[in-house]
Amino acid sequence: MPSQVAIIVRSKNEMPHLRTALGMLQKQTFSEFELFAIDSGSTDGSVDLLRHYCDADHLTEIPPEAYAPGKVLNEAIAPIPHEIIVLLNADAIPQSEVWLEKLICPLLDATADATFSRQIARPDSHFIVTYDYQRAYDPKKAGDSFFSAVACAFKRELWERHPFHNQGYAEDAIWADSCRVLGARLQLIPESEVEHSHNYSLSQLFYKKFRHGNALAKTEGQVSAVGHRLYLCMRELVRDFLFACRQRKLGTIPYNIAYRITIHAGLHKGLKEGLK
């Protein structure tokens, strides 16, 4: 009989974070899980490390061009019978030995249908990136519409009722919104914490947000009103500026401005293109 919990790791060139993450999985207080992995063309030794930790039939290798987040997740979940599915990005590092126990406890107690970990930025993250993570994962402020699949868990029966959408990105946000429509209870678990962040270049950040906006427009029909987007951008620019002043990080302000404008420009273009 298989264990009740399956952990699915997605990887592409995630060293050295992958080594640390897998090491932390071996230290978890809840150890009754099976590890599965999907590698999409790693060339840095990630796939060799996964072979060491996974059973041979638990590791799937796909070419980079075949990677589509929702499609890959659906194909990984479909053949496994576990009652609880845990997703962990290969570069997301659990910060304690009770990470998994805390994450799945509400599912085992039937007080939630899906849960997600609090994320903290890496020590070398840009000032504005760290600030965004602090805001997004503040238990007092995290909104009901927020969800991240970087480190999350959900009941298989919920996925069976509503699989991930197969095209585009923002698969976790779109999936979460659809699950809420079904009455699912999604919960942030502050005690289940992972380290995870990226210092994207501005061009990488623009492309990431463009893809998200494009997917949201195609699946949810979101509109891209220029006036509203400008309002949101200006409001956040003021907020970022005041925070940098309070923290006496005035030198970060030029990059903070470029970072925030890039996010909204990418989202706007993605939403606009997605509605065509």
C-alpha atoms as a PDB file:
ATOM      1  CA  MET A   1       0.000   0.000   0.000  1.00  0.00           C
ATOM      2  CA  PRO A   2       1.513   3.370  -0.975  1.00  0.00           C
ATOM      3  CA  SER A   3       2.079   6.104   1.561  1.00  0.00           C
ATOM      4  CA  GLN A   4      -0.645   8.697   1.935  1.00  0.00           C
ATOM      5  CA  VAL A   5       1.555  11.587   0.749  1.00  0.00           C
ATOM      6  CA  ALA A   6       3.407  12.133  -2.531  1.00  0.00           C
ATOM      7  CA  ILE A   7       5.915  14.962  -2.979  1.00  0.00           C
ATOM      8  CA  ILE A   8       6.461  16.109  -6.570  1.00  0.00           C
ATOM      9  CA  VAL A   9       9.597  18.134  -7.306  1.00  0.00           C
ATOM     10  CA  ARG A  10      10.044  20.064 -10.567  1.00  0.00           C
ATOM     11  CA  SER A  11      13.612  20.793 -11.593  1.00  0.00           C
ATOM     12  CA  LYS A  12      15.720  22.476 -14.231  1.00  0.00           C
ATOM     13  CA  ASN A  13      19.279  23.462 -13.279  1.00  0.00           C
ATOM     14  CA  GLU A  14      18.495  24.087  -9.614  1.00  0.00           C
ATOM     15  CA  MET A  15      21.893  23.429  -8.050  1.00  0.00           C
ATOM     16  CA  PRO A  16      23.002  24.095  -5.354  1.00  0.00           C
ATOM     17  CA  HIS A  17      19.553  24.791  -3.881  1.00  0.00           C
ATOM     18  CA  LEU A  18      18.271  21.353  -4.892  1.00  0.00           C
ATOM     19  CA  ARG A  19      20.920  19.585  -2.812  1.00  0.00           C
ATOM     20  CA  THR A  20      19.914  21.544   0.288  1.00  0.00           C
ATOM     21  CA  ALA A  21      16.198  21.069  -0.352  1.00  0.00           C
ATOM     22  CA  LEU A  22      16.502  17.301  -0.775  1.00  0.00           C
ATOM     23  CA  GLY A  23      18.655  17.120   2.335  1.00  0.00           C
ATOM     24  CA  MET A  24      15.938  18.881   4.319  1.00  0.00           C
ATOM     25  CA  LEU A  25      13.313  16.460   2.999  1.00  0.00           C
ATOM     26  CA  GLN A  26      15.288  13.625   4.536  1.00  0.00           C
ATOM     27  CA  LYS A  27      15.095  15.318   7.947  1.00  0.00           C
ATOM     28  CA  GLN A  28      11.335  15.845   8.072  1.00  0.00           C
ATOM     29  CA  THR A  29       9.458  14.687  11.167  1.00  0.00           C
ATOM     30  CA  PHE A  30       6.739  13.389   8.847  1.00  0.00           C
ATOM     31  CA  SER A  31       8.658  10.860   6.795  1.00  0.00           C
ATOM     32  CA  GLU A  32       5.871   8.705   5.347  1.00  0.00           C
ATOM     33  CA  PHE A  33       5.983  10.109   1.835  1.00  0.00           C
ATOM     34  CA  GLU A  34       7.086   9.057  -1.630  1.00  0.00           C
ATOM     35  CA  LEU A  35       9.256  11.380  -3.678  1.00  0.00           C
ATOM     36  CA  PHE A  36       8.610  11.965  -7.378  1.00  0.00           C
ATOM     37  CA  ALA A  37      10.538  14.306  -9.663  1.00  0.00           C
ATOM     38  CA  ILE A  38      10.284  15.860 -13.116  1.00  0.00           C
ATOM     39  CA  ASP A  39      13.445  17.247 -14.692  1.00  0.00           C
ATOM     40  CA  SER A  40      13.211  19.317 -17.855  1.00  0.00           C
ATOM     41  CA  GLY A  41      16.711  19.242 -19.264  1.00  0.00           C
ATOM     42  CA  SER A  42      19.099  19.981 -16.403  1.00  0.00           C
ATOM     43  CA  THR A  43      22.770  20.239 -17.301  1.00  0.00           C
ATOM     44  CA  ASP A  44      24.183  21.203 -13.882  1.00  0.00           C
ATOM     45  CA  GLY A  45      23.980  17.820 -12.129  1.00  0.00           C
ATOM     46  CA  SER A  46      20.423  18.270 -10.825  1.00  0.00           C
ATOM     47  CA  VAL A  47      19.106  15.192 -12.597  1.00  0.00           C
ATOM     48  CA  ASP A  48      21.963  13.034 -11.279  1.00  0.00           C
ATOM     49  CA  LEU A  49      21.160  14.118  -7.738  1.00  0.00           C
ATOM     50  CA  LEU A  50      17.474  13.352  -8.258  1.00  0.00           C
ATOM     51  CA  ARG A  51      18.371   9.862  -9.436  1.00  0.00           C
ATOM     52  CA  HIS A  52      20.119   9.338  -6.091  1.00  0.00           C
ATOM     53  CA  TYR A  53      17.045  10.366  -4.074  1.00  0.00           C
ATOM     54  CA  CYS A  54      14.227   8.978  -6.274  1.00  0.00           C
ATOM     55  CA  ASP A  55      13.292   5.461  -7.258  1.00  0.00           C
ATOM     56  CA  ALA A  56      14.006   4.876 -10.939  1.00  0.00           C
ATOM     57  CA  ASP A  57      10.321   4.848 -11.883  1.00  0.00           C
ATOM     58  CA  HIS A  58       9.664   8.026  -9.860  1.00  0.00           C
ATOM     59  CA  LEU A  59      11.875  10.280 -11.984  1.00  0.00           C
ATOM     60  CA  THR A  60      10.590  11.626 -15.296  1.00  0.00           C
ATOM     61  CA  GLU A  61      12.875  13.438 -17.738  1.00  0.00           C
ATOM     62  CA  ILE A  62      11.409  15.674 -20.422  1.00  0.00           C
ATOM     63  CA  PRO A  63      13.003  18.037 -22.967  1.00  0.00           C
ATOM     64  CA  PRO A  64      12.908  21.733 -21.989  1.00  0.00           C
ATOM     65  CA  GLU A  65      10.575  22.613 -24.864  1.00  0.00           C
ATOM     66  CA  ALA A  66       8.001  20.118 -23.571  1.00  0.00           C
ATOM     67  CA  TYR A  67       7.617  21.908 -20.242  1.00  0.00           C
ATOM     68  CA  ALA A  68       4.222  23.505 -19.647  1.00  0.00           C
ATOM     69  CA  PRO A  69       3.531  23.833 -15.904  1.00  0.00           C
ATOM     70  CA  GLY A  70      -0.089  22.723 -15.698  1.00  0.00           C
ATOM     71  CA  LYS A  71       0.271  19.935 -18.247  1.00  0.00           C
ATOM     72  CA  VAL A  72       3.382  18.577 -16.530  1.00  0.00           C
ATOM     73  CA  LEU A  73       1.688  18.599 -13.126  1.00  0.00           C
ATOM     74  CA  ASN A  74      -1.450  16.880 -14.397  1.00  0.00           C
ATOM     75  CA  GLU A  75       0.578  14.168 -16.084  1.00  0.00           C
ATOM     76  CA  ALA A  76       2.653  13.654 -12.930  1.00  0.00           C
ATOM     77  CA  ILE A  77      -0.344  13.445 -10.593  1.00  0.00           C
ATOM     78  CA  ALA A  78      -2.591  11.264 -12.771  1.00  0.00           C
ATOM     79  CA  PRO A  79      -0.845   7.900 -12.319  1.00  0.00           C
ATOM     80  CA  ILE A  80      -0.106   8.144  -8.590  1.00  0.00           C
ATOM     81  CA  PRO A  81      -2.792   7.093  -6.071  1.00  0.00           C
ATOM     82  CA  HIS A  82      -1.748   9.150  -3.059  1.00  0.00           C
ATOM     83  CA  GLU A  83      -4.467  10.972  -1.137  1.00  0.00           C
ATOM     84  CA  ILE A  84      -2.359  14.077  -0.545  1.00  0.00           C
ATOM     85  CA  ILE A  85      -0.197  15.732  -3.201  1.00  0.00           C
ATOM     86  CA  VAL A  86       2.644  18.040  -2.174  1.00  0.00           C
ATOM     87  CA  LEU A  87       4.372  20.268  -4.723  1.00  0.00           C
ATOM     88  CA  LEU A  88       7.838  21.626  -3.973  1.00  0.00           C
ATOM     89  CA  ASN A  89       9.911  23.627  -6.433  1.00  0.00           C
ATOM     90  CA  ALA A  90      13.398  22.190  -6.618  1.00  0.00           C
ATOM     91  CA  ASP A  91      14.925  25.491  -5.477  1.00  0.00           C
ATOM     92  CA  ALA A  92      12.526  25.984  -2.548  1.00  0.00           C
ATOM     93  CA  ILE A  93      14.339  25.029   0.652  1.00  0.00           C
ATOM     94  CA  PRO A  94      12.291  23.930   3.690  1.00  0.00           C
ATOM     95  CA  GLN A  95      13.422  25.932   6.700  1.00  0.00           C
ATOM     96  CA  SER A  96      12.663  23.414   9.427  1.00  0.00           C
ATOM     97  CA  GLU A  97      12.191  19.719  10.082  1.00  0.00           C
ATOM     98  CA  VAL A  98       8.455  20.246  10.635  1.00  0.00           C
ATOM     99  CA  TRP A  99       7.860  21.945   7.266  1.00  0.00           C
ATOM    100  CA  LEU A 100       5.929  19.007   5.808  1.00  0.00           C
ATOM    101  CA  GLU A 101       4.130  18.104   9.023  1.00  0.00           C
ATOM    102  CA  LYS A 102       2.795  21.644   9.412  1.00  0.00           C
ATOM    103  CA  LEU A 103       1.874  21.888   5.714  1.00  0.00           C
ATOM    104  CA  ILE A 104      -0.278  18.749   5.595  1.00  0.00           C
ATOM    105  CA  CYS A 105      -1.756  18.856   9.099  1.00  0.00           C
ATOM    106  CA  PRO A 106      -4.860  20.866   8.055  1.00  0.00           C
ATOM    107  CA  LEU A 107      -5.480  18.359   5.245  1.00  0.00           C
ATOM    108  CA  LEU A 108      -5.233  15.399   7.600  1.00  0.00           C
ATOM    109  CA  ASP A 109      -7.498  17.162  10.097  1.00  0.00           C
ATOM    110  CA  ALA A 110      -9.961  18.050   7.314  1.00  0.00           C
ATOM    111  CA  THR A 111      -9.811  21.762   8.177  1.00  0.00           C
ATOM    112  CA  ALA A 112      -8.485  22.729   4.719  1.00  0.00           C
ATOM    113  CA  ASP A 113      -8.504  21.348   1.177  1.00  0.00           C
ATOM    114  CA  ALA A 114      -5.271  22.993   0.023  1.00  0.00           C
ATOM    115  CA  THR A 115      -2.426  24.658   1.901  1.00  0.00           C
ATOM    116  CA  PHE A 116       0.690  26.590   0.944  1.00  0.00           C
ATOM    117  CA  SER A 117       3.916  27.484   2.698  1.00  0.00           C
ATOM    118  CA  ARG A 118       5.122  30.893   3.670  1.00  0.00           C
ATOM    119  CA  GLN A 119       8.067  31.929   1.476  1.00  0.00           C
ATOM    120  CA  ILE A 120      11.002  34.033   2.606  1.00  0.00           C
ATOM    121  CA  ALA A 121      13.447  35.667   0.200  1.00  0.00           C
ATOM    122  CA  ARG A 122      17.062  34.549   0.015  1.00  0.00           C
ATOM    123  CA  PRO A 123      19.687  36.616   1.853  1.00  0.00           C
ATOM    124  CA  ASP A 124      21.079  37.976  -1.439  1.00  0.00           C
ATOM    125  CA  SER A 125      17.695  39.119  -2.764  1.00  0.00           C
ATOM    126  CA  HIS A 126      17.174  42.670  -3.960  1.00  0.00           C
ATOM    127  CA  PHE A 127      15.656  44.955  -1.348  1.00  0.00           C
ATOM    128  CA  ILE A 128      12.394  45.309  -3.272  1.00  0.00           C
ATOM    129  CA  VAL A 129      12.121  41.541  -3.822  1.00  0.00           C
ATOM    130  CA  THR A 130      12.461  40.891  -0.103  1.00  0.00           C
ATOM    131  CA  TYR A 131       9.823  43.536   0.581  1.00  0.00           C
ATOM    132  CA  ASP A 132       7.380  41.925  -1.853  1.00  0.00           C
ATOM    133  CA  TYR A 133       7.833  38.531  -0.189  1.00  0.00           C
ATOM    134  CA  GLN A 134       7.297  40.015   3.264  1.00  0.00           C
ATOM    135  CA  ARG A 135       4.064  41.608   2.127  1.00  0.00           C
ATOM    136  CA  ALA A 136       2.741  38.654   0.151  1.00  0.00           C
ATOM    137  CA  TYR A 137       3.289  36.133   2.948  1.00  0.00           C
ATOM    138  CA  ASP A 138       2.315  38.276   5.914  1.00  0.00           C
ATOM    139  CA  PRO A 139      -0.317  36.113   7.678  1.00  0.00           C
ATOM    140  CA  LYS A 140      -2.188  39.247   8.753  1.00  0.00           C
ATOM    141  CA  LYS A 141      -2.453  40.614   5.212  1.00  0.00           C
ATOM    142  CA  ALA A 142      -2.439  37.629   2.838  1.00  0.00           C
ATOM    143  CA  GLY A 143      -5.686  37.881   0.918  1.00  0.00           C
ATOM    144  CA  ASP A 144      -8.108  35.081   0.135  1.00  0.00           C
ATOM    145  CA  SER A 145      -7.201  35.351  -3.552  1.00  0.00           C
ATOM    146  CA  PHE A 146      -3.523  34.513  -3.013  1.00  0.00           C
ATOM    147  CA  PHE A 147      -1.974  31.073  -3.536  1.00  0.00           C
ATOM    148  CA  SER A 148       1.413  29.737  -4.610  1.00  0.00           C
ATOM    149  CA  ALA A 149       2.328  26.272  -5.860  1.00  0.00           C
ATOM    150  CA  VAL A 150       6.047  26.756  -5.076  1.00  0.00           C
ATOM    151  CA  ALA A 151       5.459  24.801  -1.867  1.00  0.00           C
ATOM    152  CA  CYS A 152       1.907  23.584  -1.388  1.00  0.00           C
ATOM    153  CA  ALA A 153      -0.285  20.587  -0.608  1.00  0.00           C
ATOM    154  CA  PHE A 154      -3.784  19.591  -1.599  1.00  0.00           C
ATOM    155  CA  LYS A 155      -6.159  16.668  -1.511  1.00  0.00           C
ATOM    156  CA  ARG A 156      -6.091  14.512  -4.607  1.00  0.00           C
ATOM    157  CA  GLU A 157      -9.891  14.573  -4.762  1.00  0.00           C
ATOM    158  CA  LEU A 158      -9.741  18.352  -5.194  1.00  0.00           C
ATOM    159  CA  TRP A 159      -7.374  17.963  -8.148  1.00  0.00           C
ATOM    160  CA  GLU A 160      -9.637  15.278  -9.640  1.00  0.00           C
ATOM    161  CA  ARG A 161     -12.529  17.734  -9.557  1.00  0.00           C
ATOM    162  CA  HIS A 162     -10.434  20.479 -11.078  1.00  0.00           C
ATOM    163  CA  PRO A 163      -7.025  19.677 -12.660  1.00  0.00           C
ATOM    164  CA  PHE A 164      -4.538  22.410 -13.526  1.00  0.00           C
ATOM    165  CA  HIS A 165      -5.152  24.183 -16.824  1.00  0.00           C
ATOM    166  CA  ASN A 166      -2.895  22.767 -19.513  1.00  0.00           C
ATOM    167  CA  GLN A 167      -1.808  25.904 -21.350  1.00  0.00           C
ATOM    168  CA  GLY A 168       0.154  28.968 -20.343  1.00  0.00           C
ATOM    169  CA  TYR A 169       1.506  30.003 -16.973  1.00  0.00           C
ATOM    170  CA  ALA A 170       0.039  31.372 -13.693  1.00  0.00           C
ATOM    171  CA  GLU A 171      -1.263  27.829 -13.283  1.00  0.00           C
ATOM    172  CA  ASP A 172      -1.401  28.063  -9.493  1.00  0.00           C
ATOM    173  CA  ALA A 173      -3.351  31.334  -9.347  1.00  0.00           C
ATOM    174  CA  ILE A 174      -5.853  30.155 -11.962  1.00  0.00           C
ATOM    175  CA  TRP A 175      -6.239  26.764 -10.274  1.00  0.00           C
ATOM    176  CA  ALA A 176      -6.760  28.338  -6.861  1.00  0.00           C
ATOM    177  CA  ASP A 177      -9.455  30.685  -8.165  1.00  0.00           C
ATOM    178  CA  SER A 178     -11.273  27.759  -9.784  1.00  0.00           C
ATOM    179  CA  CYS A 179     -11.054  25.702  -6.598  1.00  0.00           C
ATOM    180  CA  ARG A 180     -12.518  28.522  -4.530  1.00  0.00           C
ATOM    181  CA  VAL A 181     -15.501  28.600  -6.876  1.00  0.00           C
ATOM    182  CA  LEU A 182     -16.022  24.948  -5.951  1.00  0.00           C
ATOM    183  CA  GLY A 183     -16.025  25.916  -2.268  1.00  0.00           C
ATOM    184  CA  ALA A 184     -12.521  24.659  -1.506  1.00  0.00           C
ATOM    185  CA  ARG A 185     -10.738  25.983   1.594  1.00  0.00           C
ATOM    186  CA  LEU A 186      -7.217  27.250   0.830  1.00  0.00           C
ATOM    187  CA  GLN A 187      -4.930  28.206   3.694  1.00  0.00           C
ATOM    188  CA  LEU A 188      -1.529  29.860   4.158  1.00  0.00           C
ATOM    189  CA  ILE A 189       0.541  27.974   6.762  1.00  0.00           C
ATOM    190  CA  PRO A 190       3.058  30.439   8.296  1.00  0.00           C
ATOM    191  CA  GLU A 191       4.736  27.705  10.348  1.00  0.00           C
ATOM    192  CA  SER A 192       5.583  25.827   7.138  1.00  0.00           C
ATOM    193  CA  GLU A 193       8.324  27.982   5.663  1.00  0.00           C
ATOM    194  CA  VAL A 194      10.588  27.722   2.619  1.00  0.00           C
ATOM    195  CA  GLU A 195      13.367  29.925   1.305  1.00  0.00           C
ATOM    196  CA  HIS A 196      12.711  30.836  -2.306  1.00  0.00           C
ATOM    197  CA  SER A 197      13.213  33.915  -4.483  1.00  0.00           C
ATOM    198  CA  HIS A 198      14.824  35.091  -7.723  1.00  0.00           C
ATOM    199  CA  ASN A 199      16.764  38.195  -8.673  1.00  0.00           C
ATOM    200  CA  TYR A 200      15.392  38.336 -12.207  1.00  0.00           C
ATOM    201  CA  SER A 201      16.823  40.777 -14.707  1.00  0.00           C
ATOM    202  CA  LEU A 202      14.273  43.370 -15.800  1.00  0.00           C
ATOM    203  CA  SER A 203      13.834  41.608 -19.143  1.00  0.00           C
ATOM    204  CA  GLN A 204      13.263  38.271 -17.390  1.00  0.00           C
ATOM    205  CA  LEU A 205      10.808  39.897 -15.008  1.00  0.00           C
ATOM    206  CA  PHE A 206       8.889  41.506 -17.888  1.00  0.00           C
ATOM    207  CA  TYR A 207       8.608  38.165 -19.715  1.00  0.00           C
ATOM    208  CA  LYS A 208       7.482  36.365 -16.552  1.00  0.00           C
ATOM    209  CA  LYS A 209       4.726  38.898 -15.882  1.00  0.00           C
ATOM    210  CA  PHE A 210       3.747  38.966 -19.574  1.00  0.00           C
ATOM    211  CA  ARG A 211       3.196  35.196 -19.485  1.00  0.00           C
ATOM    212  CA  HIS A 212       1.142  35.476 -16.320  1.00  0.00           C
ATOM    213  CA  GLY A 213      -1.017  38.253 -17.699  1.00  0.00           C
ATOM    214  CA  ASN A 214      -1.498  36.378 -20.964  1.00  0.00           C
ATOM    215  CA  ALA A 215      -2.655  33.239 -19.151  1.00  0.00           C
ATOM    216  CA  LEU A 216      -5.004  35.158 -16.844  1.00  0.00           C
ATOM    217  CA  ALA A 217      -6.619  36.918 -19.787  1.00  0.00           C
ATOM    218  CA  LYS A 218      -7.177  33.707 -21.736  1.00  0.00           C
ATOM    219  CA  THR A 219      -8.540  31.656 -18.841  1.00  0.00           C
ATOM    220  CA  GLU A 220     -10.359  34.233 -16.733  1.00  0.00           C
ATOM    221  CA  GLY A 221     -11.089  36.983 -19.244  1.00  0.00           C
ATOM    222  CA  GLN A 222      -9.389  39.639 -17.153  1.00  0.00           C
ATOM    223  CA  VAL A 223      -9.257  43.042 -18.809  1.00  0.00           C
ATOM    224  CA  SER A 224      -6.301  45.407 -19.053  1.00  0.00           C
ATOM    225  CA  ALA A 225      -7.564  48.967 -18.529  1.00  0.00           C
ATOM    226  CA  VAL A 226      -4.663  51.389 -18.946  1.00  0.00           C
ATOM    227  CA  GLY A 227      -5.999  53.847 -16.391  1.00  0.00           C
ATOM    228  CA  HIS A 228      -6.491  51.211 -13.707  1.00  0.00           C
ATOM    229  CA  ARG A 229      -3.069  49.691 -14.379  1.00  0.00           C
ATOM    230  CA  LEU A 230      -1.437  53.118 -14.068  1.00  0.00           C
ATOM    231  CA  TYR A 231      -3.294  53.723 -10.813  1.00  0.00           C
ATOM    232  CA  LEU A 232      -2.100  50.417  -9.361  1.00  0.00           C
ATOM    233  CA  CYS A 233       1.463  51.087 -10.476  1.00  0.00           C
ATOM    234  CA  MET A 234       1.566  54.606  -9.040  1.00  0.00           C
ATOM    235  CA  ARG A 235       0.067  53.469  -5.744  1.00  0.00           C
ATOM    236  CA  GLU A 236       2.717  50.782  -5.386  1.00  0.00           C
ATOM    237  CA  LEU A 237       5.525  53.131  -6.409  1.00  0.00           C
ATOM    238  CA  VAL A 238       4.529  55.497  -3.597  1.00  0.00           C
ATOM    239  CA  ARG A 239       4.323  52.601  -1.140  1.00  0.00           C
ATOM    240  CA  ASP A 240       7.759  51.302  -2.211  1.00  0.00           C
ATOM    241  CA  PHE A 241       9.273  54.788  -1.909  1.00  0.00           C
ATOM    242  CA  LEU A 242       7.935  55.337   1.609  1.00  0.00           C
ATOM    243  CA  PHE A 243       9.140  51.912   2.745  1.00  0.00           C
ATOM    244  CA  ALA A 244      12.645  52.508   1.352  1.00  0.00           C
ATOM    245  CA  CYS A 245      12.754  55.849   3.181  1.00  0.00           C
ATOM    246  CA  ARG A 246      11.666  54.271   6.460  1.00  0.00           C
ATOM    247  CA  GLN A 247      14.306  51.579   6.084  1.00  0.00           C
ATOM    248  CA  ARG A 248      16.947  54.162   5.104  1.00  0.00           C
ATOM    249  CA  LYS A 249      17.582  52.343   1.814  1.00  0.00           C
ATOM    250  CA  LEU A 250      17.460  55.371  -0.448  1.00  0.00           C
ATOM    251  CA  GLY A 251      20.042  53.872  -2.790  1.00  0.00           C
ATOM    252  CA  THR A 252      17.566  51.167  -3.781  1.00  0.00           C
ATOM    253  CA  ILE A 253      14.918  53.605  -5.037  1.00  0.00           C
ATOM    254  CA  PRO A 254      15.997  53.819  -8.716  1.00  0.00           C
ATOM    255  CA  TYR A 255      15.931  50.030  -9.098  1.00  0.00           C
ATOM    256  CA  ASN A 256      12.708  49.775  -7.079  1.00  0.00           C
ATOM    257  CA  ILE A 257      11.014  52.113  -9.563  1.00  0.00           C
ATOM    258  CA  ALA A 258      12.270  50.180 -12.588  1.00  0.00           C
ATOM    259  CA  TYR A 259      11.250  46.884 -10.971  1.00  0.00           C
ATOM    260  CA  ARG A 260       7.702  47.991 -10.225  1.00  0.00           C
ATOM    261  CA  ILE A 261       7.111  49.601 -13.617  1.00  0.00           C
ATOM    262  CA  THR A 262       8.425  46.467 -15.344  1.00  0.00           C
ATOM    263  CA  ILE A 263       5.949  44.279 -13.442  1.00  0.00           C
ATOM    264  CA  HIS A 264       2.944  46.365 -14.429  1.00  0.00           C
ATOM    265  CA  ALA A 265       4.116  46.850 -18.010  1.00  0.00           C
ATOM    266  CA  GLY A 266       4.525  43.084 -18.426  1.00  0.00           C
ATOM    267  CA  LEU A 267       1.128  42.338 -16.897  1.00  0.00           C
ATOM    268  CA  HIS A 268      -0.577  44.983 -19.024  1.00  0.00           C
ATOM    269  CA  LYS A 269       0.901  43.715 -22.262  1.00  0.00           C
ATOM    270  CA  GLY A 270       0.164  40.101 -21.348  1.00  0.00           C
ATOM    271  CA  LEU A 271      -3.461  40.860 -20.489  1.00  0.00           C
ATOM    272  CA  LYS A 272      -3.858  42.873 -23.672  1.00  0.00           C
ATOM    273  CA  GLU A 273      -2.363  40.165 -25.893  1.00  0.00           C
ATOM    274  CA  GLY A 274      -4.310  37.427 -24.134  1.00  0.00           C
ATOM    275  CA  LEU A 275      -7.637  39.042 -24.920  1.00  0.00           C
ATOM    276  CA  LYS A 276      -6.961  39.183 -28.662  1.00  0.00           C
END
